[in-house]
Amino acid sequence: MEPAVWDIGYLIASILFILGLKKLGHPRTAPTGNLYGALGMLLAVVVTIAQMNFGEIDNFVLIAGGLLIGGLIGYVMAVRVQMTGMPEMVALFNGFGGAASALVAASEVFRRIEENTFPTDLELYVAWIAIGLSALVGWMTLTGSLLAMMKLKGGVELFGTWYRTPTWGPGWLNYVKGIFLIAIVALIYMSIEEPGNQNYVIGIIVLSCILGILFVLPIGGADMPVVVSLLNSLSGIAAAFTGFIISNNVLIIAGSMVGAAGLILTNIMCKAMNRQLIDVLFKSFGGSDKEQVTRTKVGSDPEEVAMICDGISKCVIVPGYGMAVSQCQHQVREFADLLEANGCEVKYGIHPVAGRMPGHMNVLLAEANVPYEKLIEMDDINSEIGECDVALVVGANDTVNPAARSNEGPLAGMPIINVDKARVIVMVKRSLSVGYAGVDNDLFYEDNTMMLFGDGKKMMTELVSSMKEL
């Protein structure tokens, strides 16, 4: 196969990536976008393998074995993962993406050291700087993503013992991060001066792994959507650096696209939380300490809530992570269908950072066949809530907490869905416990708030049954 044909194959793969990214912009076309992206990656892999010398049978067997094993593992994970575990899987894949790019860069530099073949002059600077940056971003993404995954899970189980993931980061930790970063830059410079010394590269890898942990360690769970988006961007940037190292155009294009898209999404998430990215990374927002809840609230029963909902004209449903945990999106949809059958207008208010990753609630509701046009963004739904008879909150907490309107605490200034403006608020929640930000919710204790304490699926099932009996 001629080099020109390879370039055409990479061009088609790049076009598929661009079309896929475009279609990911809307939930209705997102499955097609995923398909385009997967086809683009498959084509890129096929073209890359076609360039190789098939006479090197050992390498071919290793590549075929890696593709088979990796594909099988990916398929099993995709089939078995629950929607509640999707954010953790995304964080894990971000880390693996960064590590894959860093491993390619490391193998290239070690090969050159072993063969004692180094570029000269400007080419040496470009290659070794790219190798150093790929190692920095890639390994930092791996360890940071693994820690983010553990924070999303709440901890990790080792040998039958559950260890809670810490959120810790005093102010002086930022100086430690700065020292590590300076040390890595110094090692990159020394590796350029002595390109044959592999100890410098190993030092960059070790320090980058530690730096990834230090960056994510102080960040609380409330800011995890921002962190996951940023790590996704970093995995793409690592791939782009590696593309420069091995002169692979499709890797440069795909990595740059992922990096840019991830940064845009990170910016959107920061705006949704009224945060600056520098504050998320260096000021330890997110609620590392849980407040002690001292107030009480008498819970309501589904029959009482059903009577309130009978005959209403407008209702807004606000989903949160609790809906994902209990997997009650189908019961929520059934409840909405019953209201609409009685002439009630039903809409769904979607907060940009509800759940544990961007778009989490949209995917869950799409799984229950909720029409996309009923999924209303936060700003638009807020303009209508004052006219709502009932606001049903299913498993959300921080994203509806009025404490965000104050200038104090981890939620200070974060835009919320103003469910407290509705005539009646119904909260489906297991208990009065605080949310991921660690802030008690005054909304629970308002006179017009009805609490349905219990598992989301159980409560929504009983509410639907009560509605049918009226």
Protein backbone atom coordinates (compact mmCIF):
# COMPACT_ATOMS: atom_id res chain seq x y z
CA MET A 1 0.00 0.00 0.00
CA GLU A 2 1.41 3.38 -1.02
CA PRO A 3 1.96 6.17 1.53
CA ALA A 4 -0.61 8.33 -0.30
CA VAL A 5 -3.24 5.66 0.30
CA TRP A 6 -2.36 5.63 4.00
CA ASP A 7 -2.89 9.38 4.14
CA ILE A 8 -6.28 9.02 2.44
CA GLY A 9 -7.27 6.41 5.02
CA TYR A 10 -6.22 8.71 7.86
CA LEU A 11 -8.11 11.58 6.21
CA ILE A 12 -11.32 9.54 6.08
CA ALA A 13 -10.80 8.51 9.72
CA SER A 14 -10.37 12.17 10.69
CA ILE A 15 -13.56 13.12 8.83
CA LEU A 16 -15.43 10.41 10.72
CA PHE A 17 -14.06 11.79 14.01
CA ILE A 18 -15.25 15.29 13.11
CA LEU A 19 -18.71 14.10 12.06
CA GLY A 20 -18.96 11.97 15.20
CA LEU A 21 -18.04 14.88 17.45
CA LYS A 22 -20.62 17.06 15.69
CA LYS A 23 -23.38 14.52 16.24
CA LEU A 24 -22.46 14.11 19.90
CA GLY A 25 -23.81 17.62 20.44
CA HIS A 26 -27.41 16.38 20.73
CA PRO A 27 -28.80 13.35 22.61
CA ARG A 28 -30.88 12.25 19.62
CA THR A 29 -27.86 11.99 17.30
CA ALA A 30 -25.29 10.96 19.94
CA PRO A 31 -25.56 7.18 19.21
CA THR A 32 -24.77 7.86 15.55
CA GLY A 33 -21.87 10.08 16.64
CA ASN A 34 -20.46 7.26 18.75
CA LEU A 35 -20.74 4.91 15.77
CA TYR A 36 -18.90 7.37 13.50
CA GLY A 37 -16.13 7.76 16.07
CA ALA A 38 -15.77 4.00 16.50
CA LEU A 39 -15.62 3.46 12.73
CA GLY A 40 -13.00 6.21 12.45
CA MET A 41 -10.85 4.57 15.10
CA LEU A 42 -11.25 1.15 13.47
CA LEU A 43 -10.16 2.58 10.12
CA ALA A 44 -7.17 4.33 11.73
CA VAL A 45 -6.08 1.07 13.38
CA VAL A 46 -6.44 -0.91 10.12
CA VAL A 47 -4.45 1.66 8.16
CA THR A 48 -1.70 1.73 10.81
CA ILE A 49 -1.40 -2.07 10.80
CA ALA A 50 -1.34 -2.08 6.99
CA GLN A 51 1.79 0.09 7.06
CA MET A 52 3.67 -2.47 9.09
CA ASN A 53 5.94 -5.20 7.79
CA PHE A 54 3.94 -8.41 8.13
CA GLY A 55 7.19 -10.35 7.92
CA GLU A 56 7.81 -9.32 11.52
CA ILE A 57 5.43 -12.03 12.67
CA ASP A 58 6.22 -11.61 16.37
CA ASN A 59 5.08 -7.99 16.34
CA PHE A 60 1.97 -8.89 14.36
CA VAL A 61 1.01 -11.60 16.83
CA LEU A 62 1.47 -9.19 19.74
CA ILE A 63 -0.68 -6.55 18.04
CA ALA A 64 -3.41 -9.04 17.11
CA GLY A 65 -3.38 -10.44 20.64
CA GLY A 66 -3.62 -6.96 22.13
CA LEU A 67 -6.54 -6.03 19.88
CA LEU A 68 -8.38 -9.24 20.71
CA ILE A 69 -7.84 -9.06 24.47
CA GLY A 70 -8.51 -5.32 24.66
CA GLY A 71 -11.64 -5.61 22.54
CA LEU A 72 -12.95 -8.45 24.68
CA ILE A 73 -12.30 -6.57 27.93
CA GLY A 74 -13.96 -3.43 26.55
CA TYR A 75 -17.02 -5.39 25.40
CA VAL A 76 -17.46 -7.13 28.75
CA MET A 77 -17.09 -3.86 30.66
CA ALA A 78 -19.56 -2.06 28.38
CA VAL A 79 -22.16 -4.81 28.71
CA ARG A 80 -21.86 -5.17 32.48
CA VAL A 81 -21.62 -1.52 33.52
CA GLN A 82 -24.69 0.03 35.11
CA MET A 83 -25.70 3.63 34.41
CA THR A 84 -24.67 4.47 37.98
CA GLY A 85 -21.17 3.24 37.17
CA MET A 86 -20.85 5.09 33.86
CA PRO A 87 -19.03 8.14 35.34
CA GLU A 88 -16.43 5.87 36.94
CA MET A 89 -15.94 4.06 33.62
CA VAL A 90 -15.50 7.36 31.78
CA ALA A 91 -12.87 8.43 34.31
CA LEU A 92 -11.12 5.06 33.95
CA PHE A 93 -11.11 5.30 30.15
CA ASN A 94 -9.68 8.82 30.35
CA GLY A 95 -6.82 7.45 32.42
CA PHE A 96 -6.19 4.56 30.07
CA GLY A 97 -6.22 6.92 27.10
CA GLY A 98 -3.56 9.10 28.69
CA ALA A 99 -1.48 6.08 29.71
CA ALA A 100 -1.64 4.58 26.20
CA SER A 101 -0.26 7.79 24.70
CA ALA A 102 2.44 8.05 27.36
CA LEU A 103 3.45 4.41 26.83
CA VAL A 104 3.88 4.98 23.09
CA ALA A 105 6.04 8.04 23.80
CA ALA A 106 8.11 6.12 26.37
CA SER A 107 8.64 3.17 24.03
CA GLU A 108 9.84 5.55 21.31
CA VAL A 109 12.40 7.24 23.54
CA PHE A 110 13.66 3.95 25.00
CA ARG A 111 13.99 2.53 21.47
CA ARG A 112 16.09 5.48 20.42
CA ILE A 113 18.25 5.19 23.52
CA GLU A 114 18.78 1.47 22.90
CA GLU A 115 19.65 2.01 19.24
CA ASN A 116 21.63 5.15 20.05
CA THR A 117 19.88 7.07 17.28
CA PHE A 118 18.99 10.62 18.26
CA PRO A 119 17.85 13.58 16.19
CA THR A 120 19.97 16.71 16.19
CA ASP A 121 19.57 20.45 16.59
CA LEU A 122 15.99 21.74 16.49
CA GLU A 123 14.55 18.28 15.79
CA LEU A 124 16.05 17.01 19.05
CA TYR A 125 14.44 19.82 21.05
CA VAL A 126 11.03 19.30 19.42
CA ALA A 127 11.09 15.52 19.83
CA TRP A 128 12.31 15.44 23.43
CA ILE A 129 10.03 18.27 24.57
CA ALA A 130 7.09 16.42 23.00
CA ILE A 131 8.18 13.20 24.72
CA GLY A 132 8.46 14.97 28.07
CA LEU A 133 5.09 16.70 27.74
CA SER A 134 3.42 13.47 26.62
CA ALA A 135 4.83 11.71 29.69
CA LEU A 136 3.80 14.58 31.97
CA VAL A 137 0.22 14.84 30.69
CA GLY A 138 -0.31 11.13 30.05
CA TRP A 139 0.88 9.72 33.38
CA MET A 140 -0.69 12.59 35.31
CA THR A 141 -3.98 11.80 33.54
CA LEU A 142 -3.70 8.12 34.46
CA THR A 143 -3.16 8.53 38.20
CA GLY A 144 -5.51 11.51 38.44
CA SER A 145 -8.26 9.58 36.63
CA LEU A 146 -7.82 6.53 38.83
CA LEU A 147 -8.19 8.70 41.93
CA ALA A 148 -11.20 10.47 40.41
CA MET A 149 -12.77 7.08 39.70
CA MET A 150 -12.25 6.04 43.34
CA LYS A 151 -13.78 9.32 44.55
CA LEU A 152 -16.82 8.76 42.34
CA LYS A 153 -17.19 5.27 43.82
CA GLY A 154 -16.62 6.66 47.31
CA GLY A 155 -13.63 4.46 47.97
CA VAL A 156 -11.97 1.20 47.06
CA GLU A 157 -12.27 -2.35 48.43
CA LEU A 158 -9.02 -4.22 49.07
CA PHE A 159 -8.94 -7.75 50.47
CA GLY A 160 -12.47 -7.44 51.80
CA THR A 161 -11.92 -4.07 53.52
CA TRP A 162 -13.50 -0.85 52.24
CA TYR A 163 -11.25 2.20 52.25
CA ARG A 164 -12.87 5.60 51.77
CA THR A 165 -11.13 7.87 49.27
CA PRO A 166 -9.74 10.91 51.10
CA THR A 167 -10.27 14.53 50.11
CA TRP A 168 -7.30 16.34 51.56
CA GLY A 169 -5.36 19.39 50.51
CA PRO A 170 -4.00 22.12 52.77
CA GLY A 171 -2.90 25.38 51.15
CA TRP A 172 0.77 24.45 51.16
CA LEU A 173 0.05 21.47 48.91
CA ASN A 174 -0.11 23.88 45.96
CA TYR A 175 3.55 24.75 46.56
CA VAL A 176 4.40 21.04 46.47
CA LYS A 177 2.64 20.74 43.12
CA GLY A 178 4.63 23.70 41.84
CA ILE A 179 7.91 22.12 42.98
CA PHE A 180 7.03 18.85 41.23
CA LEU A 181 6.14 20.69 38.04
CA ILE A 182 9.40 22.65 38.08
CA ALA A 183 11.32 19.43 38.69
CA ILE A 184 9.65 17.80 35.69
CA VAL A 185 10.52 20.76 33.45
CA ALA A 186 14.12 20.54 34.69
CA LEU A 187 14.22 16.82 33.89
CA ILE A 188 12.92 17.51 30.38
CA TYR A 189 15.74 20.02 29.89
CA MET A 190 18.34 17.59 31.21
CA SER A 191 17.01 14.83 28.95
CA ILE A 192 17.62 17.14 25.98
CA GLU A 193 21.17 17.79 27.16
CA GLU A 194 21.78 14.04 27.67
CA PRO A 195 19.28 12.24 25.38
CA GLY A 196 20.94 8.88 26.05
CA ASN A 197 20.24 8.98 29.81
CA GLN A 198 17.00 7.08 30.40
CA ASN A 199 16.97 7.93 34.12
CA TYR A 200 15.65 11.38 33.29
CA VAL A 201 12.69 9.89 31.44
CA ILE A 202 11.98 7.50 34.30
CA GLY A 203 12.12 10.45 36.71
CA ILE A 204 9.59 12.37 34.59
CA ILE A 205 7.24 9.38 34.65
CA VAL A 206 7.45 8.91 38.42
CA LEU A 207 6.99 12.60 39.26
CA SER A 208 4.12 12.92 36.77
CA CYS A 209 2.29 10.01 38.40
CA ILE A 210 2.62 11.62 41.82
CA LEU A 211 1.56 15.01 40.44
CA GLY A 212 -1.66 13.52 39.05
CA ILE A 213 -2.61 12.25 42.51
CA LEU A 214 -1.76 15.58 44.14
CA PHE A 215 -3.93 17.50 41.67
CA VAL A 216 -7.07 15.42 42.25
CA LEU A 217 -6.59 14.69 45.97
CA PRO A 218 -7.93 18.05 47.29
CA ILE A 219 -10.95 18.18 44.96
CA GLY A 220 -14.27 17.20 46.51
CA GLY A 221 -17.05 15.15 44.94
CA ALA A 222 -19.19 18.16 44.00
CA ASP A 223 -16.54 19.23 41.48
CA MET A 224 -16.01 15.78 39.95
CA PRO A 225 -17.92 16.61 36.71
CA VAL A 226 -15.39 19.39 36.08
CA VAL A 227 -12.45 17.11 36.88
CA VAL A 228 -13.69 14.29 34.63
CA SER A 229 -14.11 16.76 31.74
CA LEU A 230 -10.63 18.17 32.28
CA LEU A 231 -9.04 14.72 32.46
CA ASN A 232 -10.83 13.81 29.23
CA SER A 233 -9.21 16.84 27.62
CA LEU A 234 -5.79 15.94 28.98
CA SER A 235 -6.01 12.43 27.54
CA GLY A 236 -6.54 13.98 24.11
CA ILE A 237 -3.67 16.42 24.57
CA ALA A 238 -1.37 13.52 25.51
CA ALA A 239 -2.40 11.73 22.31
CA ALA A 240 -1.63 14.83 20.24
CA PHE A 241 1.86 15.11 21.74
CA THR A 242 2.46 11.44 20.96
CA GLY A 243 1.31 12.04 17.39
CA PHE A 244 4.10 14.58 17.00
CA ILE A 245 6.62 12.09 18.39
CA ILE A 246 5.78 9.26 15.97
CA SER A 247 4.70 11.55 13.09
CA ASN A 248 1.15 10.20 12.99
CA ASN A 249 -1.30 12.73 11.54
CA VAL A 250 -4.51 11.02 12.64
CA LEU A 251 -3.26 10.87 16.23
CA ILE A 252 -2.51 14.59 16.15
CA ILE A 253 -5.93 15.39 14.70
CA ALA A 254 -7.92 13.09 17.01
CA GLY A 255 -5.96 14.13 20.08
CA SER A 256 -6.39 17.83 19.31
CA MET A 257 -10.13 17.37 18.81
CA VAL A 258 -10.55 15.50 22.10
CA GLY A 259 -8.41 18.08 23.89
CA ALA A 260 -10.35 21.03 22.50
CA ALA A 261 -13.76 19.44 23.08
CA GLY A 262 -12.79 18.50 26.63
CA LEU A 263 -11.65 22.05 27.40
CA ILE A 264 -14.90 23.48 26.02
CA LEU A 265 -16.92 21.04 28.13
CA THR A 266 -14.79 21.85 31.19
CA ASN A 267 -15.54 25.55 30.65
CA ILE A 268 -19.27 24.80 30.38
CA MET A 269 -19.17 22.80 33.61
CA CYS A 270 -17.31 25.59 35.42
CA LYS A 271 -19.89 28.14 34.27
CA ALA A 272 -22.71 25.84 35.38
CA MET A 273 -21.16 25.74 38.87
CA ASN A 274 -20.11 29.42 38.83
CA ARG A 275 -16.52 28.33 39.41
CA GLN A 276 -13.22 29.33 37.93
CA LEU A 277 -11.16 26.35 36.83
CA ILE A 278 -8.21 27.64 38.85
CA ASP A 279 -10.43 27.62 41.95
CA VAL A 280 -11.50 24.02 41.32
CA LEU A 281 -7.90 22.88 40.93
CA PHE A 282 -6.22 24.91 43.65
CA LYS A 283 -8.79 26.01 46.24
CA SER A 284 -10.23 22.64 47.30
CA PHE A 285 -13.89 23.43 46.71
CA GLY A 286 -16.35 20.59 46.75
CA GLY A 287 -17.02 19.86 50.37
CA SER A 288 -14.43 17.71 52.03
CA ASP A 289 -16.16 17.71 55.39
CA LYS A 290 -19.75 16.61 55.87
CA GLU A 291 -22.02 18.81 57.97
CA GLN A 292 -23.78 17.28 60.94
CA VAL A 293 -27.54 17.26 60.32
CA THR A 294 -29.36 18.16 63.53
CA ARG A 295 -32.85 19.09 62.27
CA THR A 296 -35.72 16.67 61.64
CA LYS A 297 -38.59 16.51 59.16
CA VAL A 298 -41.71 14.37 59.23
CA GLY A 299 -41.98 12.39 56.00
CA SER A 300 -45.08 12.13 53.82
CA ASP A 301 -46.53 9.00 52.23
CA PRO A 302 -47.15 8.31 48.52
CA GLU A 303 -50.94 8.44 48.95
CA GLU A 304 -50.71 11.99 50.33
CA VAL A 305 -48.47 13.11 47.48
CA ALA A 306 -50.80 11.48 44.94
CA MET A 307 -53.72 13.49 46.29
CA ILE A 308 -51.71 16.69 45.93
CA CYS A 309 -50.79 15.80 42.32
CA ASP A 310 -54.35 14.91 41.34
CA GLY A 311 -55.75 17.66 39.13
CA ILE A 312 -52.65 19.88 38.91
CA SER A 313 -51.99 21.71 35.63
CA LYS A 314 -48.19 21.99 35.54
CA CYS A 315 -45.36 19.89 37.01
CA VAL A 316 -41.58 19.96 36.67
CA ILE A 317 -39.48 16.88 37.44
CA VAL A 318 -35.88 17.45 38.53
CA PRO A 319 -33.71 14.30 38.43
CA GLY A 320 -30.44 13.79 40.29
CA TYR A 321 -27.88 11.14 41.07
CA GLY A 322 -30.32 9.39 43.39
CA MET A 323 -32.44 8.54 40.36
CA ALA A 324 -29.40 6.92 38.76
CA VAL A 325 -28.59 4.94 41.91
CA SER A 326 -32.12 3.57 42.28
CA GLN A 327 -32.64 3.17 38.51
CA CYS A 328 -36.15 4.61 38.77
CA GLN A 329 -36.20 6.57 35.49
CA HIS A 330 -38.87 4.24 34.08
CA GLN A 331 -41.13 4.81 37.10
CA VAL A 332 -40.56 8.57 36.76
CA ARG A 333 -41.63 8.37 33.12
CA GLU A 334 -44.74 6.37 34.10
CA PHE A 335 -45.62 8.99 36.72
CA ALA A 336 -45.29 11.74 34.10
CA ASP A 337 -47.51 9.79 31.68
CA LEU A 338 -50.24 9.55 34.33
CA LEU A 339 -50.12 13.30 34.94
CA GLU A 340 -50.25 14.06 31.23
CA ALA A 341 -53.21 11.72 30.82
CA ASN A 342 -55.02 13.98 33.32
CA GLY A 343 -54.19 17.10 31.32
CA CYS A 344 -51.09 18.19 33.26
CA GLU A 345 -48.13 19.72 31.45
CA VAL A 346 -44.92 17.92 32.49
CA LYS A 347 -41.33 19.02 31.84
CA TYR A 348 -37.96 17.84 33.11
CA GLY A 349 -35.50 20.36 34.53
CA ILE A 350 -31.91 19.29 33.78
CA HIS A 351 -29.04 20.84 35.71
CA PRO A 352 -25.75 20.76 33.73
CA VAL A 353 -23.85 19.03 36.53
CA ALA A 354 -26.59 16.73 37.84
CA GLY A 355 -25.21 13.26 38.40
CA ARG A 356 -21.54 12.42 38.21
CA MET A 357 -20.74 13.38 34.64
CA PRO A 358 -22.05 15.81 31.99
CA GLY A 359 -25.25 14.57 30.37
CA HIS A 360 -25.81 11.83 32.96
CA MET A 361 -29.51 12.64 33.46
CA ASN A 362 -30.18 13.03 29.73
CA VAL A 363 -28.87 9.52 29.08
CA LEU A 364 -30.94 8.00 31.89
CA LEU A 365 -34.17 9.66 30.76
CA ALA A 366 -33.49 8.78 27.12
CA GLU A 367 -33.20 5.17 28.30
CA ALA A 368 -36.78 5.52 29.60
CA ASN A 369 -37.91 6.98 26.24
CA VAL A 370 -38.59 10.45 27.60
CA PRO A 371 -38.94 12.78 24.57
CA TYR A 372 -35.91 15.04 24.14
CA GLU A 373 -38.06 18.14 23.75
CA LYS A 374 -39.25 17.71 27.34
CA LEU A 375 -35.70 17.90 28.72
CA ILE A 376 -35.33 21.59 29.54
CA GLU A 377 -32.06 23.27 30.48
CA MET A 378 -31.69 25.00 33.83
CA ASP A 379 -32.08 28.64 32.73
CA ASP A 380 -35.19 27.93 30.68
CA ILE A 381 -36.91 25.80 33.32
CA ASN A 382 -36.18 28.38 36.03
CA SER A 383 -38.30 30.91 34.14
CA GLU A 384 -41.29 28.58 34.39
CA ILE A 385 -41.03 27.06 37.86
CA GLY A 386 -42.92 29.90 39.49
CA GLU A 387 -45.98 28.76 37.52
CA CYS A 388 -45.64 25.09 38.56
CA ASP A 389 -48.06 23.48 40.95
CA VAL A 390 -45.60 20.71 41.89
CA ALA A 391 -41.84 20.31 41.57
CA LEU A 392 -40.86 16.64 41.95
CA VAL A 393 -37.17 16.25 42.88
CA VAL A 394 -35.91 12.70 42.44
CA GLY A 395 -32.56 12.18 44.13
CA ALA A 396 -31.16 15.68 43.57
CA ASN A 397 -29.71 17.72 46.43
CA ASP A 398 -26.89 20.19 45.75
CA THR A 399 -28.35 21.25 42.39
CA VAL A 400 -31.56 22.50 44.09
CA ASN A 401 -30.04 23.70 47.38
CA PRO A 402 -30.95 27.37 48.10
CA ALA A 403 -27.70 27.67 50.09
CA ALA A 404 -26.02 28.19 46.72
CA ARG A 405 -27.53 31.69 46.62
CA SER A 406 -25.43 32.71 49.61
CA ASN A 407 -21.85 33.87 49.45
CA GLU A 408 -20.53 31.22 51.82
CA GLY A 409 -19.64 27.54 51.68
CA PRO A 410 -18.73 25.12 48.88
CA LEU A 411 -21.94 25.86 46.94
CA ALA A 412 -21.62 29.65 47.12
CA GLY A 413 -22.80 31.25 43.89
CA MET A 414 -23.50 28.00 42.03
CA PRO A 415 -26.58 28.32 39.77
CA ILE A 416 -29.37 25.97 40.86
CA ILE A 417 -32.79 24.92 39.66
CA ASN A 418 -35.16 27.08 41.69
CA VAL A 419 -37.62 24.39 42.76
CA ASP A 420 -38.36 26.36 45.93
CA LYS A 421 -40.37 28.75 43.74
CA ALA A 422 -42.97 26.04 43.00
CA ARG A 423 -46.18 25.91 45.03
CA VAL A 424 -45.37 22.42 46.38
CA ILE A 425 -42.02 20.61 46.40
CA VAL A 426 -41.88 16.82 46.62
CA MET A 427 -38.43 15.42 47.47
CA VAL A 428 -37.74 11.72 46.91
CA LYS A 429 -34.67 10.97 49.02
CA ARG A 430 -33.40 8.24 51.33
CA SER A 431 -32.78 10.59 54.26
CA LEU A 432 -31.99 14.16 55.28
CA SER A 433 -28.28 13.55 54.67
CA VAL A 434 -26.25 16.26 52.99
CA GLY A 435 -25.22 16.12 49.34
CA TYR A 436 -21.77 15.65 47.82
CA ALA A 437 -20.85 19.23 48.69
CA GLY A 438 -21.43 18.54 52.38
CA VAL A 439 -24.04 21.30 52.84
CA ASP A 440 -27.38 20.84 54.60
CA ASN A 441 -30.39 21.70 52.45
CA ASP A 442 -32.87 24.18 53.97
CA LEU A 443 -35.36 23.17 51.27
CA PHE A 444 -36.06 19.93 53.14
CA TYR A 445 -37.54 21.79 56.09
CA GLU A 446 -39.82 24.27 54.28
CA ASP A 447 -43.55 24.09 55.02
CA ASN A 448 -44.40 23.47 51.36
CA THR A 449 -41.88 20.62 51.01
CA MET A 450 -43.08 17.03 51.22
CA MET A 451 -40.41 14.38 51.82
CA LEU A 452 -40.77 10.84 50.48
CA PHE A 453 -38.09 8.99 52.43
CA GLY A 454 -36.86 5.75 50.90
CA ASP A 455 -35.38 4.12 47.84
CA GLY A 456 -36.22 6.06 44.70
CA LYS A 457 -37.61 3.12 42.74
CA LYS A 458 -39.73 1.93 45.67
CA MET A 459 -41.14 5.40 46.36
CA MET A 460 -41.89 6.17 42.70
CA THR A 461 -43.52 2.75 42.23
CA GLU A 462 -45.78 3.36 45.23
CA LEU A 463 -46.53 6.90 44.01
CA VAL A 464 -47.54 5.57 40.59
CA SER A 465 -49.77 2.95 42.23
CA SER A 466 -51.41 5.60 44.40
CA MET A 467 -52.03 7.79 41.35
CA LYS A 468 -53.71 4.90 39.54
CA GLU A 469 -56.01 4.25 42.52
CA LEU A 470 -57.38 7.80 42.57
